[in-house]
């Protein structure tokens, strides 16, 4: 179990999930050292607003450093004054479609950056590093729900390929250096303080400004939409339970101290149903611009979370009928729409 009051290094601390995890850690009394390069993939003002809220609420418990962890020399130098027995590595270049436009950003952050974090964890002999993978590693897997035992070697985007590579590199470090690692395959995460490149934000913004929403594959898509509070509960539950170096098989198949879990809602929602719930929350109907499938996208995601529930007690409890109105309430207050 994670020691009460022990410092946690959180990468991507200005991001959607990173800021929410930092908030939860500090709420339970753990100091957080947060790092983020504050890139402009989406407006830096939103990232800064998340950081400002963390600082306001938690004061000296929160120490933030603007830092690009793909620069090993800078990372080593910046971390020298700090002691942290655990790491939650959530920083990454996100987004499936952007990886078609700017592949080198993914190589720097998701490949070189992940190796740097593994090296930092090894040098510091950390007790556990939890890191972000993605449901996108399943590619066009036709079997639903996706289970961690399923093959995941046919990615349909560079983003997905980098996340699968992160899992493979982590397995190597668990093998060579007995480094306790847990990879979390996140399914579509949404909620207050979410990302502007995600469908939930785009749809809400367009519905509230009476502009048409782009509905890909003519709406014939399904996603395992997972509310941020459920995600955070799962991340902390994993952090508190490092995989043992006992030679027994872990979730995902490793016999090293390396576990892989799906973290989702275990409920795949049809895209058109999501739009209906958003319409109700916004109080107006959407104009729908029906379009074909986009390159790099998948038809459906659906998380089998049995392993995570078995090992940590993870039990997501927020249906979209509850979570979407919460998001819309926050969105309207943040944007003034």
C-alpha atoms as a PDB file:
ATOM      1  CA  UNK A   1       0.000   0.000   0.000  1.00  0.00           C
ATOM      2  CA  UNK A   2       1.114   3.567  -0.688  1.00  0.00           C
ATOM      3  CA  UNK A   3       2.352   5.284   2.467  1.00  0.00           C
ATOM      4  CA  UNK A   4       0.143   8.118   3.700  1.00  0.00           C
ATOM      5  CA  UNK A   5       1.889  11.439   3.160  1.00  0.00           C
ATOM      6  CA  UNK A   6       4.443  10.046   0.690  1.00  0.00           C
ATOM      7  CA  UNK A   7       5.161  12.235  -2.333  1.00  0.00           C
ATOM      8  CA  UNK A   8       3.966  11.171  -5.787  1.00  0.00           C
ATOM      9  CA  UNK A   9       5.484  12.402  -9.052  1.00  0.00           C
ATOM     10  CA  UNK A  10       2.660  13.024 -11.542  1.00  0.00           C
ATOM     11  CA  UNK A  11       3.514  13.650 -15.197  1.00  0.00           C
ATOM     12  CA  UNK A  12       0.973  15.415 -17.381  1.00  0.00           C
ATOM     13  CA  UNK A  13      -0.201  17.206 -14.223  1.00  0.00           C
ATOM     14  CA  UNK A  14      -1.795  20.025 -16.238  1.00  0.00           C
ATOM     15  CA  UNK A  15      -3.751  17.522 -18.329  1.00  0.00           C
ATOM     16  CA  UNK A  16      -7.305  16.323 -17.838  1.00  0.00           C
ATOM     17  CA  UNK A  17      -6.599  13.026 -16.056  1.00  0.00           C
ATOM     18  CA  UNK A  18      -3.305  14.192 -14.540  1.00  0.00           C
ATOM     19  CA  UNK A  19      -4.849  17.174 -12.779  1.00  0.00           C
ATOM     20  CA  UNK A  20      -7.737  15.056 -11.486  1.00  0.00           C
ATOM     21  CA  UNK A  21      -5.350  12.399 -10.133  1.00  0.00           C
ATOM     22  CA  UNK A  22      -3.165  15.079  -8.505  1.00  0.00           C
ATOM     23  CA  UNK A  23      -6.283  16.554  -6.881  1.00  0.00           C
ATOM     24  CA  UNK A  24      -7.296  13.172  -5.439  1.00  0.00           C
ATOM     25  CA  UNK A  25      -3.789  12.384  -4.162  1.00  0.00           C
ATOM     26  CA  UNK A  26      -3.499  15.699  -2.355  1.00  0.00           C
ATOM     27  CA  UNK A  27      -7.026  15.381  -0.974  1.00  0.00           C
ATOM     28  CA  UNK A  28      -5.851  12.249   0.811  1.00  0.00           C
ATOM     29  CA  UNK A  29      -2.780  14.050   2.104  1.00  0.00           C
ATOM     30  CA  UNK A  30      -0.067  13.080  -0.361  1.00  0.00           C
ATOM     31  CA  UNK A  31       2.209  15.836  -1.701  1.00  0.00           C
ATOM     32  CA  UNK A  32       2.443  15.964  -5.491  1.00  0.00           C
ATOM     33  CA  UNK A  33       5.347  17.013  -7.678  1.00  0.00           C
ATOM     34  CA  UNK A  34       3.690  17.726 -11.016  1.00  0.00           C
ATOM     35  CA  UNK A  35       5.428  18.121 -14.361  1.00  0.00           C
ATOM     36  CA  UNK A  36       3.988  19.088 -17.741  1.00  0.00           C
ATOM     37  CA  UNK A  37       5.471  20.707 -20.836  1.00  0.00           C
ATOM     38  CA  UNK A  38       2.302  22.810 -21.340  1.00  0.00           C
ATOM     39  CA  UNK A  39       2.358  22.319 -25.099  1.00  0.00           C
ATOM     40  CA  UNK A  40      -0.228  24.003 -27.314  1.00  0.00           C
ATOM     41  CA  UNK A  41      -1.938  20.875 -28.672  1.00  0.00           C
ATOM     42  CA  UNK A  42      -5.009  22.500 -27.125  1.00  0.00           C
ATOM     43  CA  UNK A  43      -5.289  25.903 -25.380  1.00  0.00           C
ATOM     44  CA  UNK A  44      -2.660  26.317 -22.676  1.00  0.00           C
ATOM     45  CA  UNK A  45      -5.153  28.535 -20.811  1.00  0.00           C
ATOM     46  CA  UNK A  46      -7.189  25.426 -19.889  1.00  0.00           C
ATOM     47  CA  UNK A  47      -4.075  23.639 -18.624  1.00  0.00           C
ATOM     48  CA  UNK A  48      -3.096  26.696 -16.607  1.00  0.00           C
ATOM     49  CA  UNK A  49      -6.614  26.944 -15.144  1.00  0.00           C
ATOM     50  CA  UNK A  50      -6.348  23.351 -13.918  1.00  0.00           C
ATOM     51  CA  UNK A  51      -2.966  24.110 -12.315  1.00  0.00           C
ATOM     52  CA  UNK A  52      -4.275  27.292 -10.711  1.00  0.00           C
ATOM     53  CA  UNK A  53      -7.114  25.349  -9.112  1.00  0.00           C
ATOM     54  CA  UNK A  54      -4.700  22.739  -7.726  1.00  0.00           C
ATOM     55  CA  UNK A  55      -2.490  25.452  -6.249  1.00  0.00           C
ATOM     56  CA  UNK A  56      -5.457  27.302  -4.736  1.00  0.00           C
ATOM     57  CA  UNK A  57      -6.872  24.199  -3.122  1.00  0.00           C
ATOM     58  CA  UNK A  58      -3.704  22.532  -1.904  1.00  0.00           C
ATOM     59  CA  UNK A  59      -1.027  25.208  -1.499  1.00  0.00           C
ATOM     60  CA  UNK A  60       2.312  23.774  -0.405  1.00  0.00           C
ATOM     61  CA  UNK A  61       1.242  20.184  -1.103  1.00  0.00           C
ATOM     62  CA  UNK A  62       1.549  20.960  -4.825  1.00  0.00           C
ATOM     63  CA  UNK A  63       4.870  21.705  -6.499  1.00  0.00           C
ATOM     64  CA  UNK A  64       4.644  22.233 -10.263  1.00  0.00           C
ATOM     65  CA  UNK A  65       7.525  22.318 -12.736  1.00  0.00           C
ATOM     66  CA  UNK A  66       7.079  23.215 -16.430  1.00  0.00           C
ATOM     67  CA  UNK A  67       9.208  20.481 -17.939  1.00  0.00           C
ATOM     68  CA  UNK A  68       9.448  18.284 -21.028  1.00  0.00           C
ATOM     69  CA  UNK A  69      10.236  14.756 -19.841  1.00  0.00           C
ATOM     70  CA  UNK A  70      11.410  13.786 -23.336  1.00  0.00           C
ATOM     71  CA  UNK A  71      14.571  15.781 -22.442  1.00  0.00           C
ATOM     72  CA  UNK A  72      16.432  13.361 -20.142  1.00  0.00           C
ATOM     73  CA  UNK A  73      19.068  15.858 -19.012  1.00  0.00           C
ATOM     74  CA  UNK A  74      16.428  18.424 -18.055  1.00  0.00           C
ATOM     75  CA  UNK A  75      14.310  15.765 -16.324  1.00  0.00           C
ATOM     76  CA  UNK A  76      17.244  14.463 -14.266  1.00  0.00           C
ATOM     77  CA  UNK A  77      18.307  17.973 -13.291  1.00  0.00           C
ATOM     78  CA  UNK A  78      14.791  19.094 -12.301  1.00  0.00           C
ATOM     79  CA  UNK A  79      14.050  15.978 -10.233  1.00  0.00           C
ATOM     80  CA  UNK A  80      17.328  16.072  -8.273  1.00  0.00           C
ATOM     81  CA  UNK A  81      15.902  17.971  -5.255  1.00  0.00           C
ATOM     82  CA  UNK A  82      12.838  15.719  -4.893  1.00  0.00           C
ATOM     83  CA  UNK A  83      12.175  12.362  -3.296  1.00  0.00           C
ATOM     84  CA  UNK A  84       9.171  10.334  -4.488  1.00  0.00           C
ATOM     85  CA  UNK A  85       8.589   6.614  -3.857  1.00  0.00           C
ATOM     86  CA  UNK A  86       5.884   6.368  -6.548  1.00  0.00           C
ATOM     87  CA  UNK A  87       5.145   7.816  -9.995  1.00  0.00           C
ATOM     88  CA  UNK A  88       1.903   8.240 -11.929  1.00  0.00           C
ATOM     89  CA  UNK A  89       3.059   8.759 -15.513  1.00  0.00           C
ATOM     90  CA  UNK A  90       0.124  10.210 -17.451  1.00  0.00           C
ATOM     91  CA  UNK A  91       1.963  12.711 -19.641  1.00  0.00           C
ATOM     92  CA  UNK A  92       1.834  11.889 -23.355  1.00  0.00           C
ATOM     93  CA  UNK A  93       1.044  13.338 -26.726  1.00  0.00           C
ATOM     94  CA  UNK A  94      -2.626  12.458 -26.921  1.00  0.00           C
ATOM     95  CA  UNK A  95      -5.037  12.163 -29.814  1.00  0.00           C
ATOM     96  CA  UNK A  96      -5.497   9.602 -32.562  1.00  0.00           C
ATOM     97  CA  UNK A  97      -6.056  11.931 -35.514  1.00  0.00           C
ATOM     98  CA  UNK A  98      -3.270  14.385 -34.657  1.00  0.00           C
ATOM     99  CA  UNK A  99      -0.784  11.504 -34.929  1.00  0.00           C
ATOM    100  CA  UNK A 100      -1.441  11.505 -38.686  1.00  0.00           C
ATOM    101  CA  UNK A 101      -0.314  15.159 -38.871  1.00  0.00           C
ATOM    102  CA  UNK A 102       2.547  15.361 -36.389  1.00  0.00           C
ATOM    103  CA  UNK A 103       4.093  11.919 -35.858  1.00  0.00           C
ATOM    104  CA  UNK A 104       7.332  13.243 -34.385  1.00  0.00           C
ATOM    105  CA  UNK A 105       5.505  14.695 -31.378  1.00  0.00           C
ATOM    106  CA  UNK A 106       4.418  11.135 -30.524  1.00  0.00           C
ATOM    107  CA  UNK A 107       7.903   9.708 -30.975  1.00  0.00           C
ATOM    108  CA  UNK A 108       9.391  12.352 -28.635  1.00  0.00           C
ATOM    109  CA  UNK A 109       6.774  12.225 -25.886  1.00  0.00           C
ATOM    110  CA  UNK A 110       5.369   8.700 -26.018  1.00  0.00           C
ATOM    111  CA  UNK A 111       8.502   6.740 -26.959  1.00  0.00           C
ATOM    112  CA  UNK A 112      11.594   8.686 -25.852  1.00  0.00           C
ATOM    113  CA  UNK A 113       9.632  10.236 -22.985  1.00  0.00           C
ATOM    114  CA  UNK A 114       8.404   6.884 -21.721  1.00  0.00           C
ATOM    115  CA  UNK A 115      11.925   5.436 -21.750  1.00  0.00           C
ATOM    116  CA  UNK A 116      13.108   8.489 -19.809  1.00  0.00           C
ATOM    117  CA  UNK A 117      10.446   7.919 -17.152  1.00  0.00           C
ATOM    118  CA  UNK A 118      11.386   4.241 -16.922  1.00  0.00           C
ATOM    119  CA  UNK A 119      15.032   5.254 -16.509  1.00  0.00           C
ATOM    120  CA  UNK A 120      14.123   7.780 -13.829  1.00  0.00           C
ATOM    121  CA  UNK A 121      12.070   5.132 -12.004  1.00  0.00           C
ATOM    122  CA  UNK A 122      14.968   2.679 -12.239  1.00  0.00           C
ATOM    123  CA  UNK A 123      17.549   5.191 -11.015  1.00  0.00           C
ATOM    124  CA  UNK A 124      15.335   6.177  -8.083  1.00  0.00           C
ATOM    125  CA  UNK A 125      14.352   2.573  -7.316  1.00  0.00           C
ATOM    126  CA  UNK A 126      10.730   3.649  -7.069  1.00  0.00           C
ATOM    127  CA  UNK A 127       8.266   1.314  -5.389  1.00  0.00           C
ATOM    128  CA  UNK A 128       5.744   1.536  -8.232  1.00  0.00           C
ATOM    129  CA  UNK A 129       5.070   3.437 -11.452  1.00  0.00           C
ATOM    130  CA  UNK A 130       1.564   3.491 -12.880  1.00  0.00           C
ATOM    131  CA  UNK A 131       1.535   4.599 -16.520  1.00  0.00           C
ATOM    132  CA  UNK A 132      -1.068   5.467 -19.133  1.00  0.00           C
ATOM    133  CA  UNK A 133      -1.722   3.147 -22.026  1.00  0.00           C
ATOM    134  CA  UNK A 134      -4.854   3.333 -24.158  1.00  0.00           C
ATOM    135  CA  UNK A 135      -7.771   1.298 -25.434  1.00  0.00           C
ATOM    136  CA  UNK A 136      -6.517   2.265 -28.896  1.00  0.00           C
ATOM    137  CA  UNK A 137      -3.931  -0.570 -28.657  1.00  0.00           C
ATOM    138  CA  UNK A 138      -6.755  -2.989 -29.548  1.00  0.00           C
ATOM    139  CA  UNK A 139      -6.966  -1.491 -33.038  1.00  0.00           C
ATOM    140  CA  UNK A 140      -9.815  -2.907 -35.059  1.00  0.00           C
ATOM    141  CA  UNK A 141     -10.365  -5.821 -32.672  1.00  0.00           C
ATOM    142  CA  UNK A 142     -13.770  -7.257 -33.599  1.00  0.00           C
ATOM    143  CA  UNK A 143     -14.196  -9.191 -30.326  1.00  0.00           C
ATOM    144  CA  UNK A 144     -16.175  -7.261 -27.708  1.00  0.00           C
ATOM    145  CA  UNK A 145     -15.614  -6.503 -24.919  1.00  0.00           C
ATOM    146  CA  UNK A 146     -11.846  -5.971 -25.206  1.00  0.00           C
ATOM    147  CA  UNK A 147      -9.948  -8.086 -22.664  1.00  0.00           C
ATOM    148  CA  UNK A 148      -6.322  -7.524 -21.622  1.00  0.00           C
ATOM    149  CA  UNK A 149      -5.564 -11.061 -22.823  1.00  0.00           C
ATOM    150  CA  UNK A 150      -6.609 -10.193 -26.392  1.00  0.00           C
ATOM    151  CA  UNK A 151      -3.900  -9.728 -29.004  1.00  0.00           C
ATOM    152  CA  UNK A 152      -3.056  -6.081 -29.510  1.00  0.00           C
ATOM    153  CA  UNK A 153      -0.543  -6.042 -32.341  1.00  0.00           C
ATOM    154  CA  UNK A 154      -2.585  -4.487 -35.175  1.00  0.00           C
ATOM    155  CA  UNK A 155      -2.739  -0.757 -34.274  1.00  0.00           C
ATOM    156  CA  UNK A 156      -4.607   1.512 -36.699  1.00  0.00           C
ATOM    157  CA  UNK A 157      -2.876   4.778 -35.680  1.00  0.00           C
ATOM    158  CA  UNK A 158       0.637   5.833 -34.723  1.00  0.00           C
ATOM    159  CA  UNK A 159      -0.728   6.950 -31.350  1.00  0.00           C
ATOM    160  CA  UNK A 160      -1.920   3.403 -30.696  1.00  0.00           C
ATOM    161  CA  UNK A 161       1.428   1.982 -31.824  1.00  0.00           C
ATOM    162  CA  UNK A 162       3.326   4.220 -29.386  1.00  0.00           C
ATOM    163  CA  UNK A 163       1.104   3.130 -26.504  1.00  0.00           C
ATOM    164  CA  UNK A 164       1.635  -0.549 -27.333  1.00  0.00           C
ATOM    165  CA  UNK A 165       5.377   0.150 -27.497  1.00  0.00           C
ATOM    166  CA  UNK A 166       5.184   1.695 -24.014  1.00  0.00           C
ATOM    167  CA  UNK A 167       3.710  -1.548 -22.702  1.00  0.00           C
ATOM    168  CA  UNK A 168       6.475  -3.592 -24.334  1.00  0.00           C
ATOM    169  CA  UNK A 169       9.247  -1.339 -23.004  1.00  0.00           C
ATOM    170  CA  UNK A 170       7.686  -1.514 -19.543  1.00  0.00           C
ATOM    171  CA  UNK A 171       7.672  -5.302 -19.677  1.00  0.00           C
ATOM    172  CA  UNK A 172      11.399  -5.185 -20.486  1.00  0.00           C
ATOM    173  CA  UNK A 173      12.162  -2.952 -17.480  1.00  0.00           C
ATOM    174  CA  UNK A 174      10.056  -5.144 -15.192  1.00  0.00           C
ATOM    175  CA  UNK A 175      12.066  -8.126 -16.436  1.00  0.00           C
ATOM    176  CA  UNK A 176      15.552  -6.626 -16.365  1.00  0.00           C
ATOM    177  CA  UNK A 177      15.302  -4.423 -13.294  1.00  0.00           C
ATOM    178  CA  UNK A 178      12.345  -5.942 -11.395  1.00  0.00           C
ATOM    179  CA  UNK A 179      10.688  -2.517 -11.543  1.00  0.00           C
ATOM    180  CA  UNK A 180       7.025  -2.705 -10.383  1.00  0.00           C
ATOM    181  CA  UNK A 181       4.883  -1.254 -13.171  1.00  0.00           C
ATOM    182  CA  UNK A 182       1.173  -1.044 -13.925  1.00  0.00           C
ATOM    183  CA  UNK A 183      -0.152   0.002 -17.329  1.00  0.00           C
ATOM    184  CA  UNK A 184      -3.721   1.274 -17.634  1.00  0.00           C
ATOM    185  CA  UNK A 185      -5.547   1.053 -20.948  1.00  0.00           C
ATOM    186  CA  UNK A 186      -7.867   4.050 -20.638  1.00  0.00           C
ATOM    187  CA  UNK A 187     -11.190   3.982 -22.413  1.00  0.00           C
ATOM    188  CA  UNK A 188     -12.923   7.212 -23.499  1.00  0.00           C
ATOM    189  CA  UNK A 189     -12.635   9.487 -20.447  1.00  0.00           C
ATOM    190  CA  UNK A 190     -14.904  12.508 -20.021  1.00  0.00           C
ATOM    191  CA  UNK A 191     -16.090  14.921 -17.361  1.00  0.00           C
ATOM    192  CA  UNK A 192     -15.451  18.424 -15.959  1.00  0.00           C
ATOM    193  CA  UNK A 193     -12.091  19.915 -17.032  1.00  0.00           C
ATOM    194  CA  UNK A 194     -12.042  17.571 -20.061  1.00  0.00           C
ATOM    195  CA  UNK A 195     -10.141  18.062 -23.310  1.00  0.00           C
ATOM    196  CA  UNK A 196     -11.349  20.284 -26.185  1.00  0.00           C
ATOM    197  CA  UNK A 197     -10.228  17.728 -28.804  1.00  0.00           C
ATOM    198  CA  UNK A 198     -12.652  15.110 -27.464  1.00  0.00           C
ATOM    199  CA  UNK A 199     -16.116  14.553 -28.939  1.00  0.00           C
ATOM    200  CA  UNK A 200     -17.928  15.467 -25.707  1.00  0.00           C
ATOM    201  CA  UNK A 201     -16.456  18.999 -25.705  1.00  0.00           C
ATOM    202  CA  UNK A 202     -16.862  19.511 -29.456  1.00  0.00           C
ATOM    203  CA  UNK A 203     -20.473  18.363 -29.411  1.00  0.00           C
ATOM    204  CA  UNK A 204     -21.433  20.489 -26.395  1.00  0.00           C
ATOM    205  CA  UNK A 205     -19.784  23.581 -27.851  1.00  0.00           C
ATOM    206  CA  UNK A 206     -21.532  23.212 -31.195  1.00  0.00           C
ATOM    207  CA  UNK A 207     -24.927  22.336 -29.747  1.00  0.00           C
ATOM    208  CA  UNK A 208     -24.820  25.375 -27.449  1.00  0.00           C
ATOM    209  CA  UNK A 209     -23.821  27.686 -30.333  1.00  0.00           C
ATOM    210  CA  UNK A 210     -26.371  26.216 -32.773  1.00  0.00           C
ATOM    211  CA  UNK A 211     -23.761  24.837 -35.140  1.00  0.00           C
ATOM    212  CA  UNK A 212     -23.902  21.352 -36.677  1.00  0.00           C
ATOM    213  CA  UNK A 213     -21.937  18.526 -35.065  1.00  0.00           C
ATOM    214  CA  UNK A 214     -19.828  16.158 -37.172  1.00  0.00           C
ATOM    215  CA  UNK A 215     -21.083  12.598 -36.651  1.00  0.00           C
ATOM    216  CA  UNK A 216     -18.636  10.104 -38.140  1.00  0.00           C
ATOM    217  CA  UNK A 217     -19.549   6.745 -39.660  1.00  0.00           C
ATOM    218  CA  UNK A 218     -23.123   8.144 -39.770  1.00  0.00           C
ATOM    219  CA  UNK A 219     -23.352   7.603 -36.014  1.00  0.00           C
ATOM    220  CA  UNK A 220     -22.702   3.856 -36.186  1.00  0.00           C
ATOM    221  CA  UNK A 221     -20.035   3.924 -33.489  1.00  0.00           C
ATOM    222  CA  UNK A 222     -19.944   2.937 -29.826  1.00  0.00           C
ATOM    223  CA  UNK A 223     -17.604   4.018 -27.026  1.00  0.00           C
ATOM    224  CA  UNK A 224     -17.029   2.947 -23.448  1.00  0.00           C
ATOM    225  CA  UNK A 225     -17.466   6.450 -21.993  1.00  0.00           C
ATOM    226  CA  UNK A 226     -15.901   6.562 -18.533  1.00  0.00           C
ATOM    227  CA  UNK A 227     -16.460   9.391 -16.062  1.00  0.00           C
ATOM    228  CA  UNK A 228     -13.350  11.062 -14.658  1.00  0.00           C
ATOM    229  CA  UNK A 229     -14.144  10.288 -10.991  1.00  0.00           C
ATOM    230  CA  UNK A 230     -14.364   6.569 -11.769  1.00  0.00           C
ATOM    231  CA  UNK A 231     -11.059   6.729 -13.645  1.00  0.00           C
ATOM    232  CA  UNK A 232      -9.308   8.503 -10.760  1.00  0.00           C
ATOM    233  CA  UNK A 233     -10.588   5.942  -8.253  1.00  0.00           C
ATOM    234  CA  UNK A 234      -9.116   3.186 -10.432  1.00  0.00           C
ATOM    235  CA  UNK A 235      -5.755   4.913 -10.833  1.00  0.00           C
ATOM    236  CA  UNK A 236      -5.358   5.367  -7.079  1.00  0.00           C
ATOM    237  CA  UNK A 237      -6.483   1.805  -6.367  1.00  0.00           C
ATOM    238  CA  UNK A 238      -3.767   0.551  -8.730  1.00  0.00           C
ATOM    239  CA  UNK A 239      -1.117   2.886  -7.317  1.00  0.00           C
ATOM    240  CA  UNK A 240      -1.770   1.457  -3.859  1.00  0.00           C
ATOM    241  CA  UNK A 241      -1.265  -2.122  -5.089  1.00  0.00           C
ATOM    242  CA  UNK A 242       2.070  -2.586  -6.893  1.00  0.00           C
ATOM    243  CA  UNK A 243       2.345  -5.918  -8.691  1.00  0.00           C
ATOM    244  CA  UNK A 244       4.440  -8.426  -6.755  1.00  0.00           C
ATOM    245  CA  UNK A 245       7.665  -9.943  -8.044  1.00  0.00           C
ATOM    246  CA  UNK A 246       6.469 -13.427  -7.179  1.00  0.00           C
ATOM    247  CA  UNK A 247       6.666 -15.197 -10.547  1.00  0.00           C
ATOM    248  CA  UNK A 248       2.881 -15.495 -10.736  1.00  0.00           C
ATOM    249  CA  UNK A 249       0.985 -14.409 -13.835  1.00  0.00           C
ATOM    250  CA  UNK A 250      -0.403 -10.875 -13.634  1.00  0.00           C
ATOM    251  CA  UNK A 251      -3.288  -9.280 -15.506  1.00  0.00           C
ATOM    252  CA  UNK A 252      -2.092  -8.966 -19.097  1.00  0.00           C
ATOM    253  CA  UNK A 253       0.000 -12.129 -18.938  1.00  0.00           C
ATOM    254  CA  UNK A 254       3.341 -11.020 -17.462  1.00  0.00           C
ATOM    255  CA  UNK A 255       5.092 -13.127 -14.818  1.00  0.00           C
ATOM    256  CA  UNK A 256       7.262 -10.124 -13.962  1.00  0.00           C
ATOM    257  CA  UNK A 257       6.120  -7.307 -11.614  1.00  0.00           C
ATOM    258  CA  UNK A 258       4.122  -5.742 -14.462  1.00  0.00           C
ATOM    259  CA  UNK A 259       0.311  -5.644 -14.673  1.00  0.00           C
ATOM    260  CA  UNK A 260      -1.902  -4.388 -17.507  1.00  0.00           C
ATOM    261  CA  UNK A 261      -5.517  -3.425 -16.966  1.00  0.00           C
ATOM    262  CA  UNK A 262      -8.448  -2.042 -18.904  1.00  0.00           C
ATOM    263  CA  UNK A 263      -9.924   0.927 -17.081  1.00  0.00           C
ATOM    264  CA  UNK A 264     -13.358   1.799 -18.427  1.00  0.00           C
ATOM    265  CA  UNK A 265     -17.042   1.832 -17.583  1.00  0.00           C
ATOM    266  CA  UNK A 266     -17.732  -1.735 -18.810  1.00  0.00           C
ATOM    267  CA  UNK A 267     -20.633  -0.327 -20.783  1.00  0.00           C
ATOM    268  CA  UNK A 268     -20.421   0.601 -24.455  1.00  0.00           C
ATOM    269  CA  UNK A 269     -22.763   3.414 -25.459  1.00  0.00           C
ATOM    270  CA  UNK A 270     -24.023   4.026 -28.977  1.00  0.00           C
ATOM    271  CA  UNK A 271     -22.833   7.424 -30.230  1.00  0.00           C
ATOM    272  CA  UNK A 272     -26.373   8.516 -31.088  1.00  0.00           C
ATOM    273  CA  UNK A 273     -27.447   7.751 -27.499  1.00  0.00           C
ATOM    274  CA  UNK A 274     -24.661   9.969 -26.196  1.00  0.00           C
ATOM    275  CA  UNK A 275     -25.860  12.774 -28.476  1.00  0.00           C
ATOM    276  CA  UNK A 276     -29.393  12.392 -27.093  1.00  0.00           C
ATOM    277  CA  UNK A 277     -28.126  12.701 -23.502  1.00  0.00           C
ATOM    278  CA  UNK A 278     -26.065  15.748 -24.485  1.00  0.00           C
ATOM    279  CA  UNK A 279     -29.098  17.330 -26.147  1.00  0.00           C
ATOM    280  CA  UNK A 280     -31.131  16.845 -22.962  1.00  0.00           C
ATOM    281  CA  UNK A 281     -28.346  18.319 -20.801  1.00  0.00           C
ATOM    282  CA  UNK A 282     -27.886  21.301 -23.136  1.00  0.00           C
ATOM    283  CA  UNK A 283     -31.612  21.867 -23.513  1.00  0.00           C
ATOM    284  CA  UNK A 284     -31.568  21.941 -27.296  1.00  0.00           C
ATOM    285  CA  UNK A 285     -31.339  19.650 -30.299  1.00  0.00           C
ATOM    286  CA  UNK A 286     -28.184  19.042 -32.301  1.00  0.00           C
ATOM    287  CA  UNK A 287     -27.909  19.631 -36.027  1.00  0.00           C
ATOM    288  CA  UNK A 288     -26.183  16.477 -37.280  1.00  0.00           C
ATOM    289  CA  UNK A 289     -23.664  16.470 -40.123  1.00  0.00           C
ATOM    290  CA  UNK A 290     -23.365  12.763 -40.992  1.00  0.00           C
ATOM    291  CA  UNK A 291     -19.918  11.825 -42.307  1.00  0.00           C
ATOM    292  CA  UNK A 292     -17.966   8.680 -43.229  1.00  0.00           C
ATOM    293  CA  UNK A 293     -15.435   6.998 -40.927  1.00  0.00           C
ATOM    294  CA  UNK A 294     -12.174   8.855 -40.239  1.00  0.00           C
ATOM    295  CA  UNK A 295      -8.724   7.303 -40.812  1.00  0.00           C
ATOM    296  CA  UNK A 296      -7.286   5.797 -37.639  1.00  0.00           C
ATOM    297  CA  UNK A 297     -10.644   5.537 -35.877  1.00  0.00           C
ATOM    298  CA  UNK A 298     -12.365   2.348 -34.694  1.00  0.00           C
ATOM    299  CA  UNK A 299     -16.037   1.368 -34.767  1.00  0.00           C
ATOM    300  CA  UNK A 300     -16.468   0.332 -31.147  1.00  0.00           C
ATOM    301  CA  UNK A 301     -14.699   0.187 -27.794  1.00  0.00           C
ATOM    302  CA  UNK A 302     -15.896  -1.790 -24.813  1.00  0.00           C
ATOM    303  CA  UNK A 303     -13.802  -2.575 -21.735  1.00  0.00           C
ATOM    304  CA  UNK A 304     -13.697  -5.918 -19.987  1.00  0.00           C
ATOM    305  CA  UNK A 305     -12.695  -4.687 -16.504  1.00  0.00           C
ATOM    306  CA  UNK A 306     -12.894  -8.065 -14.718  1.00  0.00           C
ATOM    307  CA  UNK A 307      -9.157  -8.156 -13.944  1.00  0.00           C
ATOM    308  CA  UNK A 308      -9.095  -4.643 -12.469  1.00  0.00           C
ATOM    309  CA  UNK A 309     -12.212  -5.340 -10.394  1.00  0.00           C
ATOM    310  CA  UNK A 310     -10.762  -8.629  -9.157  1.00  0.00           C
ATOM    311  CA  UNK A 311      -7.415  -7.136  -8.136  1.00  0.00           C
ATOM    312  CA  UNK A 312      -8.480  -3.723  -6.798  1.00  0.00           C
ATOM    313  CA  UNK A 313     -12.246  -3.729  -6.263  1.00  0.00           C
ATOM    314  CA  UNK A 314     -12.678  -1.189  -9.081  1.00  0.00           C
ATOM    315  CA  UNK A 315     -16.394  -0.520  -9.603  1.00  0.00           C
ATOM    316  CA  UNK A 316     -17.318   2.378 -11.922  1.00  0.00           C
ATOM    317  CA  UNK A 317     -20.654   3.838 -10.899  1.00  0.00           C
ATOM    318  CA  UNK A 318     -21.357   6.797 -13.208  1.00  0.00           C
ATOM    319  CA  UNK A 319     -23.610   6.243 -16.242  1.00  0.00           C
ATOM    320  CA  UNK A 320     -23.623   8.863 -18.999  1.00  0.00           C
ATOM    321  CA  UNK A 321     -27.068   9.980 -17.815  1.00  0.00           C
ATOM    322  CA  UNK A 322     -25.313  11.242 -14.654  1.00  0.00           C
ATOM    323  CA  UNK A 323     -21.876  12.173 -15.949  1.00  0.00           C
ATOM    324  CA  UNK A 324     -22.857  14.093 -19.093  1.00  0.00           C
ATOM    325  CA  UNK A 325     -25.031  16.672 -17.270  1.00  0.00           C
ATOM    326  CA  UNK A 326     -22.170  17.223 -14.812  1.00  0.00           C
ATOM    327  CA  UNK A 327     -19.836  17.872 -17.702  1.00  0.00           C
ATOM    328  CA  UNK A 328     -22.291  20.244 -19.381  1.00  0.00           C
ATOM    329  CA  UNK A 329     -22.795  22.194 -16.138  1.00  0.00           C
ATOM    330  CA  UNK A 330     -19.035  22.643 -15.787  1.00  0.00           C
ATOM    331  CA  UNK A 331     -18.610  23.401 -19.499  1.00  0.00           C
ATOM    332  CA  UNK A 332     -21.194  26.159 -19.428  1.00  0.00           C
ATOM    333  CA  UNK A 333     -19.648  27.778 -16.353  1.00  0.00           C
ATOM    334  CA  UNK A 334     -16.126  27.530 -17.816  1.00  0.00           C
ATOM    335  CA  UNK A 335     -16.979  28.830 -21.300  1.00  0.00           C
ATOM    336  CA  UNK A 336     -19.893  31.122 -20.468  1.00  0.00           C
ATOM    337  CA  UNK A 337     -22.077  29.443 -23.108  1.00  0.00           C
END
